Amino acid sequence: MAKITTGQSFNSGDQVTSTKLNNIIGTASLDSGSVTGTTLNLTNGQLKVATNGITGNELKSDASVDANRAVGTNHIKDSAITTSKLNDGSVTDAKLSLTGITAGTYNTPTITVNNQGRITGLTAASASNFYFQSTLQNLINQSNVTSNITATSIDISTYVSAATTALGSTPTVAILTLFATVSTSPTGTASNILKVGKDSSFTNYGVVEARNDGGSRNDGANTASPTSMVFVPIGGTANNETLHYKVDISGGYDRRVRIDLNGFAL
């Protein structure tokens, strides 16, 4: 089958001229048999690229050399890439624009999310106002107290430092449990007063009092053993923090005092 229809045909005896020779090619047209596949169309004897005729087979590809690939950035229209064109998990963190959020761990934060579901605001929540020891910490445990104890300091710097780290700022109040005992005969009167304060002047302090008031009975010893939870102001100095305590006794016997640290508050 012919591929080209010539623009000039000759019969026997025809004169050959330059015009006729030029017409062989100059006015020739392609035949339908000259086109194979679907890439090109033949229209009025002329070749044209068919609508959607360019497929991946016609584009140059290269498995490893990016410069050899046919399609570049400027070949892609704006907003032309849709979600379905992206493989699941193909967009990595490095491809995402920064949101301005500082990377890190946030405890109970306030989170702002935009319409696309991205976190655009993150603020750490205010620290809890309270910090409690994982186990009750005994500061003082004295038995057989036989005389008054004048103002004595207790170093709690280590505990305040741990609380400061947990709370985000230095606490101003110590949460304590105070315990005191005193025994006396049925007709005797006795007291055992334990005070704990911020300083040796005991301007602000917590107190517990064990007290027995005598009577007329004669049936053995009586014992008072009260416990009190108190909130005592502290100086708010994380690395140099002390409490002060003192004991005032009157009468009786078998006196005991104990101070336990529960935790702290801002």
C-alpha atoms as a PDB file:
ATOM      1  CA  MET A   1       0.000   0.000   0.000  1.00  0.00           C
ATOM      2  CA  ALA A   2       1.298   3.426  -0.969  1.00  0.00           C
ATOM      3  CA  LYS A   3       2.232   5.758   1.870  1.00  0.00           C
ATOM      4  CA  ILE A   4       2.370   8.940  -0.233  1.00  0.00           C
ATOM      5  CA  THR A   5       0.163  10.145  -3.077  1.00  0.00           C
ATOM      6  CA  THR A   6       2.408  12.053  -5.455  1.00  0.00           C
ATOM      7  CA  GLY A   7       1.407  15.491  -6.667  1.00  0.00           C
ATOM      8  CA  GLN A   8       2.365  14.654 -10.267  1.00  0.00           C
ATOM      9  CA  SER A   9       1.872  11.530 -12.296  1.00  0.00           C
ATOM     10  CA  PHE A  10       3.328  10.787 -15.761  1.00  0.00           C
ATOM     11  CA  ASN A  11       1.967   8.915 -18.698  1.00  0.00           C
ATOM     12  CA  SER A  12       3.926   7.525 -21.558  1.00  0.00           C
ATOM     13  CA  GLY A  13       5.175  10.296 -23.833  1.00  0.00           C
ATOM     14  CA  ASP A  14       4.574  13.132 -21.295  1.00  0.00           C
ATOM     15  CA  GLN A  15       7.099  15.907 -21.308  1.00  0.00           C
ATOM     16  CA  VAL A  16       9.142  16.261 -18.125  1.00  0.00           C
ATOM     17  CA  THR A  17       9.405  19.801 -16.878  1.00  0.00           C
ATOM     18  CA  SER A  18      10.830  21.360 -13.722  1.00  0.00           C
ATOM     19  CA  THR A  19       7.328  22.289 -12.546  1.00  0.00           C
ATOM     20  CA  LYS A  20       6.114  18.732 -12.864  1.00  0.00           C
ATOM     21  CA  LEU A  21       9.161  17.467 -10.999  1.00  0.00           C
ATOM     22  CA  ASN A  22       8.565  19.938  -8.200  1.00  0.00           C
ATOM     23  CA  ASN A  23       4.946  18.911  -8.000  1.00  0.00           C
ATOM     24  CA  ILE A  24       5.902  15.314  -7.315  1.00  0.00           C
ATOM     25  CA  ILE A  25       6.799  16.311  -3.803  1.00  0.00           C
ATOM     26  CA  GLY A  26       5.459  19.838  -3.486  1.00  0.00           C
ATOM     27  CA  THR A  27       1.841  18.882  -3.907  1.00  0.00           C
ATOM     28  CA  ALA A  28       2.111  15.323  -2.625  1.00  0.00           C
ATOM     29  CA  SER A  29      -0.012  14.132   0.328  1.00  0.00           C
ATOM     30  CA  LEU A  30       0.274  11.341   2.858  1.00  0.00           C
ATOM     31  CA  ASP A  31      -2.007   8.362   2.614  1.00  0.00           C
ATOM     32  CA  SER A  32      -3.857   6.880   5.586  1.00  0.00           C
ATOM     33  CA  GLY A  33      -1.491   3.940   5.515  1.00  0.00           C
ATOM     34  CA  SER A  34       1.397   6.191   6.441  1.00  0.00           C
ATOM     35  CA  VAL A  35       0.186   6.553  10.046  1.00  0.00           C
ATOM     36  CA  THR A  36       0.254   3.766  12.604  1.00  0.00           C
ATOM     37  CA  GLY A  37      -0.729   3.858  16.252  1.00  0.00           C
ATOM     38  CA  THR A  38      -2.777   6.553  17.957  1.00  0.00           C
ATOM     39  CA  THR A  39      -0.199   9.249  18.549  1.00  0.00           C
ATOM     40  CA  LEU A  40      -0.743  11.014  15.183  1.00  0.00           C
ATOM     41  CA  ASN A  41      -3.789  11.747  13.068  1.00  0.00           C
ATOM     42  CA  LEU A  42      -3.875  12.336   9.324  1.00  0.00           C
ATOM     43  CA  THR A  43      -6.010  15.356   8.408  1.00  0.00           C
ATOM     44  CA  ASN A  44      -6.246  16.551   4.814  1.00  0.00           C
ATOM     45  CA  GLY A  45      -3.003  14.789   4.038  1.00  0.00           C
ATOM     46  CA  GLN A  46      -1.207  16.428   6.967  1.00  0.00           C
ATOM     47  CA  LEU A  47       0.056  14.893  10.199  1.00  0.00           C
ATOM     48  CA  LYS A  48      -1.223  16.245  13.502  1.00  0.00           C
ATOM     49  CA  VAL A  49      -0.791  15.033  17.081  1.00  0.00           C
ATOM     50  CA  ALA A  50      -3.990  13.307  18.082  1.00  0.00           C
ATOM     51  CA  THR A  51      -6.010  14.537  21.042  1.00  0.00           C
ATOM     52  CA  ASN A  52      -4.574  12.725  24.088  1.00  0.00           C
ATOM     53  CA  GLY A  53      -2.206  11.044  21.656  1.00  0.00           C
ATOM     54  CA  ILE A  54       0.905  11.650  23.799  1.00  0.00           C
ATOM     55  CA  THR A  55       1.183   8.896  26.385  1.00  0.00           C
ATOM     56  CA  GLY A  56       3.880   7.906  28.816  1.00  0.00           C
ATOM     57  CA  ASN A  57       5.464   5.828  26.077  1.00  0.00           C
ATOM     58  CA  GLU A  58       6.268   8.967  24.082  1.00  0.00           C
ATOM     59  CA  LEU A  59       7.884  10.826  26.995  1.00  0.00           C
ATOM     60  CA  LYS A  60      11.506  10.318  27.787  1.00  0.00           C
ATOM     61  CA  SER A  61      12.065   8.612  31.122  1.00  0.00           C
ATOM     62  CA  ASP A  62      15.091   7.697  33.186  1.00  0.00           C
ATOM     63  CA  ALA A  63      15.044   5.567  36.311  1.00  0.00           C
ATOM     64  CA  SER A  64      18.034   7.307  37.912  1.00  0.00           C
ATOM     65  CA  VAL A  65      19.110  10.500  36.116  1.00  0.00           C
ATOM     66  CA  ASP A  66      16.662  13.277  36.841  1.00  0.00           C
ATOM     67  CA  ALA A  67      18.005  15.546  34.074  1.00  0.00           C
ATOM     68  CA  ASN A  68      17.041  12.961  31.459  1.00  0.00           C
ATOM     69  CA  ARG A  69      13.353  12.951  32.369  1.00  0.00           C
ATOM     70  CA  ALA A  70      11.005  14.737  30.005  1.00  0.00           C
ATOM     71  CA  VAL A  71       8.580  16.408  32.439  1.00  0.00           C
ATOM     72  CA  GLY A  72       9.859  19.339  34.518  1.00  0.00           C
ATOM     73  CA  THR A  73       8.289  21.631  37.079  1.00  0.00           C
ATOM     74  CA  ASN A  74       7.196  24.167  34.479  1.00  0.00           C
ATOM     75  CA  HIS A  75       5.198  21.519  32.603  1.00  0.00           C
ATOM     76  CA  ILE A  76       2.791  21.154  35.553  1.00  0.00           C
ATOM     77  CA  LYS A  77      -0.012  23.664  35.969  1.00  0.00           C
ATOM     78  CA  ASP A  78      -0.694  25.300  39.307  1.00  0.00           C
ATOM     79  CA  SER A  79      -3.177  23.345  41.450  1.00  0.00           C
ATOM     80  CA  ALA A  80      -2.994  20.482  38.935  1.00  0.00           C
ATOM     81  CA  ILE A  81      -1.804  17.825  41.393  1.00  0.00           C
ATOM     82  CA  THR A  82      -4.724  16.311  43.271  1.00  0.00           C
ATOM     83  CA  THR A  83      -4.763  14.075  46.334  1.00  0.00           C
ATOM     84  CA  SER A  84      -5.277  10.932  44.286  1.00  0.00           C
ATOM     85  CA  LYS A  85      -1.983  11.598  42.500  1.00  0.00           C
ATOM     86  CA  LEU A  86      -0.018  11.291  45.754  1.00  0.00           C
ATOM     87  CA  ASN A  87       0.941   7.908  47.160  1.00  0.00           C
ATOM     88  CA  ASP A  88      -0.125   7.283  50.720  1.00  0.00           C
ATOM     89  CA  GLY A  89       2.647   8.340  53.068  1.00  0.00           C
ATOM     90  CA  SER A  90       4.657   9.982  50.292  1.00  0.00           C
ATOM     91  CA  VAL A  91       4.597  13.465  51.850  1.00  0.00           C
ATOM     92  CA  THR A  92       7.301  13.528  54.527  1.00  0.00           C
ATOM     93  CA  ASP A  93       7.803  16.021  57.369  1.00  0.00           C
ATOM     94  CA  ALA A  94      10.517  17.750  55.339  1.00  0.00           C
ATOM     95  CA  LYS A  95       7.970  18.561  52.603  1.00  0.00           C
ATOM     96  CA  LEU A  96       5.583  20.320  54.971  1.00  0.00           C
ATOM     97  CA  SER A  97       5.807  24.045  55.601  1.00  0.00           C
ATOM     98  CA  LEU A  98       6.749  25.093  59.124  1.00  0.00           C
ATOM     99  CA  THR A  99       3.874  26.019  61.426  1.00  0.00           C
ATOM    100  CA  GLY A 100       5.933  28.006  63.883  1.00  0.00           C
ATOM    101  CA  ILE A 101       5.396  25.449  66.657  1.00  0.00           C
ATOM    102  CA  THR A 102       8.498  24.665  68.698  1.00  0.00           C
ATOM    103  CA  ALA A 103       9.221  20.953  68.733  1.00  0.00           C
ATOM    104  CA  GLY A 104       9.080  19.401  72.186  1.00  0.00           C
ATOM    105  CA  THR A 105       6.911  17.709  74.782  1.00  0.00           C
ATOM    106  CA  TYR A 106       3.961  19.640  76.191  1.00  0.00           C
ATOM    107  CA  ASN A 107       1.992  18.606  79.270  1.00  0.00           C
ATOM    108  CA  THR A 108      -1.759  19.237  79.014  1.00  0.00           C
ATOM    109  CA  PRO A 109      -1.353  22.008  76.409  1.00  0.00           C
ATOM    110  CA  THR A 110      -3.794  24.391  74.760  1.00  0.00           C
ATOM    111  CA  ILE A 111      -3.887  23.436  71.069  1.00  0.00           C
ATOM    112  CA  THR A 112      -4.969  25.532  68.059  1.00  0.00           C
ATOM    113  CA  VAL A 113      -5.880  23.595  64.891  1.00  0.00           C
ATOM    114  CA  ASN A 114      -6.546  25.165  61.471  1.00  0.00           C
ATOM    115  CA  ASN A 115      -9.153  24.109  58.876  1.00  0.00           C
ATOM    116  CA  GLN A 116      -6.696  21.624  57.377  1.00  0.00           C
ATOM    117  CA  GLY A 117      -6.246  19.895  60.712  1.00  0.00           C
ATOM    118  CA  ARG A 118      -2.684  21.122  61.238  1.00  0.00           C
ATOM    119  CA  ILE A 119      -1.594  22.337  64.646  1.00  0.00           C
ATOM    120  CA  THR A 120      -0.844  26.054  64.354  1.00  0.00           C
ATOM    121  CA  GLY A 121      -0.747  27.007  68.020  1.00  0.00           C
ATOM    122  CA  LEU A 122       0.497  25.184  71.085  1.00  0.00           C
ATOM    123  CA  THR A 123       0.832  26.600  74.572  1.00  0.00           C
ATOM    124  CA  ALA A 124       1.926  24.610  77.581  1.00  0.00           C
ATOM    125  CA  ALA A 125      -0.704  24.580  80.293  1.00  0.00           C
ATOM    126  CA  SER A 126       0.001  26.261  83.576  1.00  0.00           C
ATOM    127  CA  ALA A 127       1.681  23.945  85.982  1.00  0.00           C
ATOM    128  CA  SER A 128      -0.456  22.336  88.646  1.00  0.00           C
ATOM    129  CA  ASN A 129      -0.625  24.364  91.832  1.00  0.00           C
ATOM    130  CA  PHE A 130       0.300  21.328  93.904  1.00  0.00           C
ATOM    131  CA  TYR A 131       3.159  18.877  94.025  1.00  0.00           C
ATOM    132  CA  PHE A 132       2.996  15.809  96.273  1.00  0.00           C
ATOM    133  CA  GLN A 133       5.861  13.539  97.242  1.00  0.00           C
ATOM    134  CA  SER A 134       5.695  10.093  95.649  1.00  0.00           C
ATOM    135  CA  THR A 135       6.144   8.754  99.196  1.00  0.00           C
ATOM    136  CA  LEU A 136       5.575  10.534 102.492  1.00  0.00           C
ATOM    137  CA  GLN A 137       8.897  12.079 103.552  1.00  0.00           C
ATOM    138  CA  ASN A 138       9.643  11.984 107.276  1.00  0.00           C
ATOM    139  CA  LEU A 139      11.538  15.106 108.399  1.00  0.00           C
ATOM    140  CA  ILE A 140      11.518  14.719 112.204  1.00  0.00           C
ATOM    141  CA  ASN A 141      10.680  11.717 114.417  1.00  0.00           C
ATOM    142  CA  GLN A 142      11.680  12.174 118.042  1.00  0.00           C
ATOM    143  CA  SER A 143      10.618   9.939 120.920  1.00  0.00           C
ATOM    144  CA  ASN A 144      10.923  10.423 124.680  1.00  0.00           C
ATOM    145  CA  VAL A 145      10.970  14.188 124.521  1.00  0.00           C
ATOM    146  CA  THR A 146      11.806  15.215 128.101  1.00  0.00           C
ATOM    147  CA  SER A 147      12.284  18.962 127.722  1.00  0.00           C
ATOM    148  CA  ASN A 148      11.361  21.854 125.508  1.00  0.00           C
ATOM    149  CA  ILE A 149      13.012  22.001 122.092  1.00  0.00           C
ATOM    150  CA  THR A 150      13.953  25.502 121.033  1.00  0.00           C
ATOM    151  CA  ALA A 151      13.725  26.703 117.427  1.00  0.00           C
ATOM    152  CA  THR A 152      15.574  24.174 115.261  1.00  0.00           C
ATOM    153  CA  SER A 153      15.990  24.361 111.486  1.00  0.00           C
ATOM    154  CA  ILE A 154      15.212  21.606 108.975  1.00  0.00           C
ATOM    155  CA  ASP A 155      16.859  21.752 105.541  1.00  0.00           C
ATOM    156  CA  ILE A 156      14.275  20.958 102.857  1.00  0.00           C
ATOM    157  CA  SER A 157      16.236  22.337  99.844  1.00  0.00           C
ATOM    158  CA  THR A 158      16.380  18.982  98.069  1.00  0.00           C
ATOM    159  CA  TYR A 159      12.604  18.562  98.210  1.00  0.00           C
ATOM    160  CA  VAL A 160      11.929  22.155  97.153  1.00  0.00           C
ATOM    161  CA  SER A 161      14.221  21.744  94.125  1.00  0.00           C
ATOM    162  CA  ALA A 162      12.337  18.643  92.987  1.00  0.00           C
ATOM    163  CA  ALA A 163       9.020  20.448  93.426  1.00  0.00           C
ATOM    164  CA  THR A 164      10.313  23.461  91.496  1.00  0.00           C
ATOM    165  CA  THR A 165      11.209  21.247  88.549  1.00  0.00           C
ATOM    166  CA  ALA A 166       7.783  19.588  88.570  1.00  0.00           C
ATOM    167  CA  LEU A 167       5.770  22.789  89.053  1.00  0.00           C
ATOM    168  CA  GLY A 168       7.770  25.043  86.777  1.00  0.00           C
ATOM    169  CA  SER A 169       8.313  27.608  89.531  1.00  0.00           C
ATOM    170  CA  THR A 170       9.413  27.629  93.146  1.00  0.00           C
ATOM    171  CA  PRO A 171       6.658  26.700  95.617  1.00  0.00           C
ATOM    172  CA  THR A 172       5.733  29.046  98.458  1.00  0.00           C
ATOM    173  CA  VAL A 173       3.934  26.647 100.790  1.00  0.00           C
ATOM    174  CA  ALA A 174       4.966  23.359 102.386  1.00  0.00           C
ATOM    175  CA  ILE A 175       2.227  20.817 103.114  1.00  0.00           C
ATOM    176  CA  LEU A 176       3.039  18.977 106.348  1.00  0.00           C
ATOM    177  CA  THR A 177       1.507  16.419 108.662  1.00  0.00           C
ATOM    178  CA  LEU A 178       2.265  17.038 112.346  1.00  0.00           C
ATOM    179  CA  PHE A 179       1.901  14.361 115.025  1.00  0.00           C
ATOM    180  CA  ALA A 180       2.329  14.640 118.815  1.00  0.00           C
ATOM    181  CA  THR A 181       1.659  12.364 121.792  1.00  0.00           C
ATOM    182  CA  VAL A 182       1.636  12.818 125.523  1.00  0.00           C
ATOM    183  CA  SER A 183       0.693  10.433 128.316  1.00  0.00           C
ATOM    184  CA  THR A 184      -0.374  11.237 131.862  1.00  0.00           C
ATOM    185  CA  SER A 185      -2.038   9.626 134.811  1.00  0.00           C
ATOM    186  CA  PRO A 186      -5.819   9.855 135.061  1.00  0.00           C
ATOM    187  CA  THR A 187      -5.574  12.788 137.442  1.00  0.00           C
ATOM    188  CA  GLY A 188      -2.655  14.556 135.784  1.00  0.00           C
ATOM    189  CA  THR A 189      -2.571  17.338 133.238  1.00  0.00           C
ATOM    190  CA  ALA A 190      -0.045  17.438 130.378  1.00  0.00           C
ATOM    191  CA  SER A 191       0.531  19.015 126.978  1.00  0.00           C
ATOM    192  CA  ASN A 192       2.917  18.567 124.110  1.00  0.00           C
ATOM    193  CA  ILE A 193       2.821  21.385 121.546  1.00  0.00           C
ATOM    194  CA  LEU A 194       4.650  21.108 118.231  1.00  0.00           C
ATOM    195  CA  LYS A 195       5.010  24.207 116.037  1.00  0.00           C
ATOM    196  CA  VAL A 196       6.500  24.431 112.536  1.00  0.00           C
ATOM    197  CA  GLY A 197       7.138  27.776 110.879  1.00  0.00           C
ATOM    198  CA  LYS A 198       8.884  29.555 108.040  1.00  0.00           C
ATOM    199  CA  ASP A 199      11.472  31.100 110.360  1.00  0.00           C
ATOM    200  CA  SER A 200      12.663  30.942 113.956  1.00  0.00           C
ATOM    201  CA  SER A 201      10.315  33.749 115.020  1.00  0.00           C
ATOM    202  CA  PHE A 202       7.280  31.583 114.123  1.00  0.00           C
ATOM    203  CA  THR A 203       5.330  34.544 112.762  1.00  0.00           C
ATOM    204  CA  ASN A 204       3.455  32.110 110.524  1.00  0.00           C
ATOM    205  CA  TYR A 205       3.297  28.519 111.648  1.00  0.00           C
ATOM    206  CA  GLY A 206       1.352  25.293 111.791  1.00  0.00           C
ATOM    207  CA  VAL A 207       0.718  23.654 115.130  1.00  0.00           C
ATOM    208  CA  VAL A 208      -0.521  20.436 116.704  1.00  0.00           C
ATOM    209  CA  GLU A 209      -1.148  19.981 120.445  1.00  0.00           C
ATOM    210  CA  ALA A 210      -1.426  16.753 122.393  1.00  0.00           C
ATOM    211  CA  ARG A 211      -3.166  17.538 125.674  1.00  0.00           C
ATOM    212  CA  ASN A 212      -4.579  15.626 128.610  1.00  0.00           C
ATOM    213  CA  ASP A 213      -6.586  17.334 131.342  1.00  0.00           C
ATOM    214  CA  GLY A 214      -6.594  15.525 134.675  1.00  0.00           C
ATOM    215  CA  GLY A 215      -9.675  14.154 136.371  1.00  0.00           C
ATOM    216  CA  SER A 216     -10.647  12.117 139.424  1.00  0.00           C
ATOM    217  CA  ARG A 217     -10.395   8.679 137.848  1.00  0.00           C
ATOM    218  CA  ASN A 218      -7.768   6.169 138.809  1.00  0.00           C
ATOM    219  CA  ASP A 219      -7.788   3.651 135.969  1.00  0.00           C
ATOM    220  CA  GLY A 220      -4.311   3.892 134.471  1.00  0.00           C
ATOM    221  CA  ALA A 221      -2.577   6.265 132.071  1.00  0.00           C
ATOM    222  CA  ASN A 222      -4.316   8.397 129.446  1.00  0.00           C
ATOM    223  CA  THR A 223      -2.680   9.179 126.108  1.00  0.00           C
ATOM    224  CA  ALA A 224      -3.457  11.971 123.628  1.00  0.00           C
ATOM    225  CA  SER A 225      -2.238  11.425 120.042  1.00  0.00           C
ATOM    226  CA  PRO A 226      -3.593  14.078 117.659  1.00  0.00           C
ATOM    227  CA  THR A 227      -2.497  14.512 114.035  1.00  0.00           C
ATOM    228  CA  SER A 228      -2.862  17.675 111.994  1.00  0.00           C
ATOM    229  CA  MET A 229      -2.200  18.575 108.360  1.00  0.00           C
ATOM    230  CA  VAL A 230      -0.905  22.126 108.047  1.00  0.00           C
ATOM    231  CA  PHE A 231       0.140  24.524 105.257  1.00  0.00           C
ATOM    232  CA  VAL A 232       3.283  26.434 106.217  1.00  0.00           C
ATOM    233  CA  PRO A 233       4.685  29.341 104.143  1.00  0.00           C
ATOM    234  CA  ILE A 234       8.267  28.929 102.972  1.00  0.00           C
ATOM    235  CA  GLY A 235      10.768  31.405 101.578  1.00  0.00           C
ATOM    236  CA  GLY A 236      10.510  30.363  97.952  1.00  0.00           C
ATOM    237  CA  THR A 237      14.239  29.783  97.516  1.00  0.00           C
ATOM    238  CA  ALA A 238      14.751  26.517  95.643  1.00  0.00           C
ATOM    239  CA  ASN A 239      18.333  25.806  96.695  1.00  0.00           C
ATOM    240  CA  ASN A 240      18.388  27.274 100.207  1.00  0.00           C
ATOM    241  CA  GLU A 241      15.171  26.477 101.995  1.00  0.00           C
ATOM    242  CA  THR A 242      14.585  25.695 105.662  1.00  0.00           C
ATOM    243  CA  LEU A 243      11.717  25.187 108.053  1.00  0.00           C
ATOM    244  CA  HIS A 244      11.889  25.683 111.803  1.00  0.00           C
ATOM    245  CA  TYR A 245      10.189  23.708 114.560  1.00  0.00           C
ATOM    246  CA  LYS A 246       9.980  23.845 118.312  1.00  0.00           C
ATOM    247  CA  VAL A 247       8.341  21.793 121.058  1.00  0.00           C
ATOM    248  CA  ASP A 248       6.826  23.073 124.301  1.00  0.00           C
ATOM    249  CA  ILE A 249       5.966  20.444 126.897  1.00  0.00           C
ATOM    250  CA  SER A 250       4.197  20.556 130.225  1.00  0.00           C
ATOM    251  CA  GLY A 251       3.788  17.615 132.579  1.00  0.00           C
ATOM    252  CA  GLY A 252       3.141  14.056 131.522  1.00  0.00           C
ATOM    253  CA  TYR A 253       5.561  11.615 129.950  1.00  0.00           C
ATOM    254  CA  ASP A 254       6.170   9.427 126.879  1.00  0.00           C
ATOM    255  CA  ARG A 255       6.142  12.486 124.649  1.00  0.00           C
ATOM    256  CA  ARG A 256       6.791  12.119 120.929  1.00  0.00           C
ATOM    257  CA  VAL A 257       6.762  14.491 117.898  1.00  0.00           C
ATOM    258  CA  ARG A 258       6.855  13.745 114.205  1.00  0.00           C
ATOM    259  CA  ILE A 259       6.866  15.943 111.071  1.00  0.00           C
ATOM    260  CA  ASP A 260       6.107  14.450 107.651  1.00  0.00           C
ATOM    261  CA  LEU A 261       6.374  16.305 104.340  1.00  0.00           C
ATOM    262  CA  ASN A 262       3.427  15.657 102.033  1.00  0.00           C
ATOM    263  CA  GLY A 263       4.298  18.094  99.269  1.00  0.00           C
ATOM    264  CA  PHE A 264       4.208  21.729  98.189  1.00  0.00           C
ATOM    265  CA  ALA A 265       1.926  24.371  96.703  1.00  0.00           C
ATOM    266  CA  LEU A 266       2.579  27.492  94.649  1.00  0.00           C
END
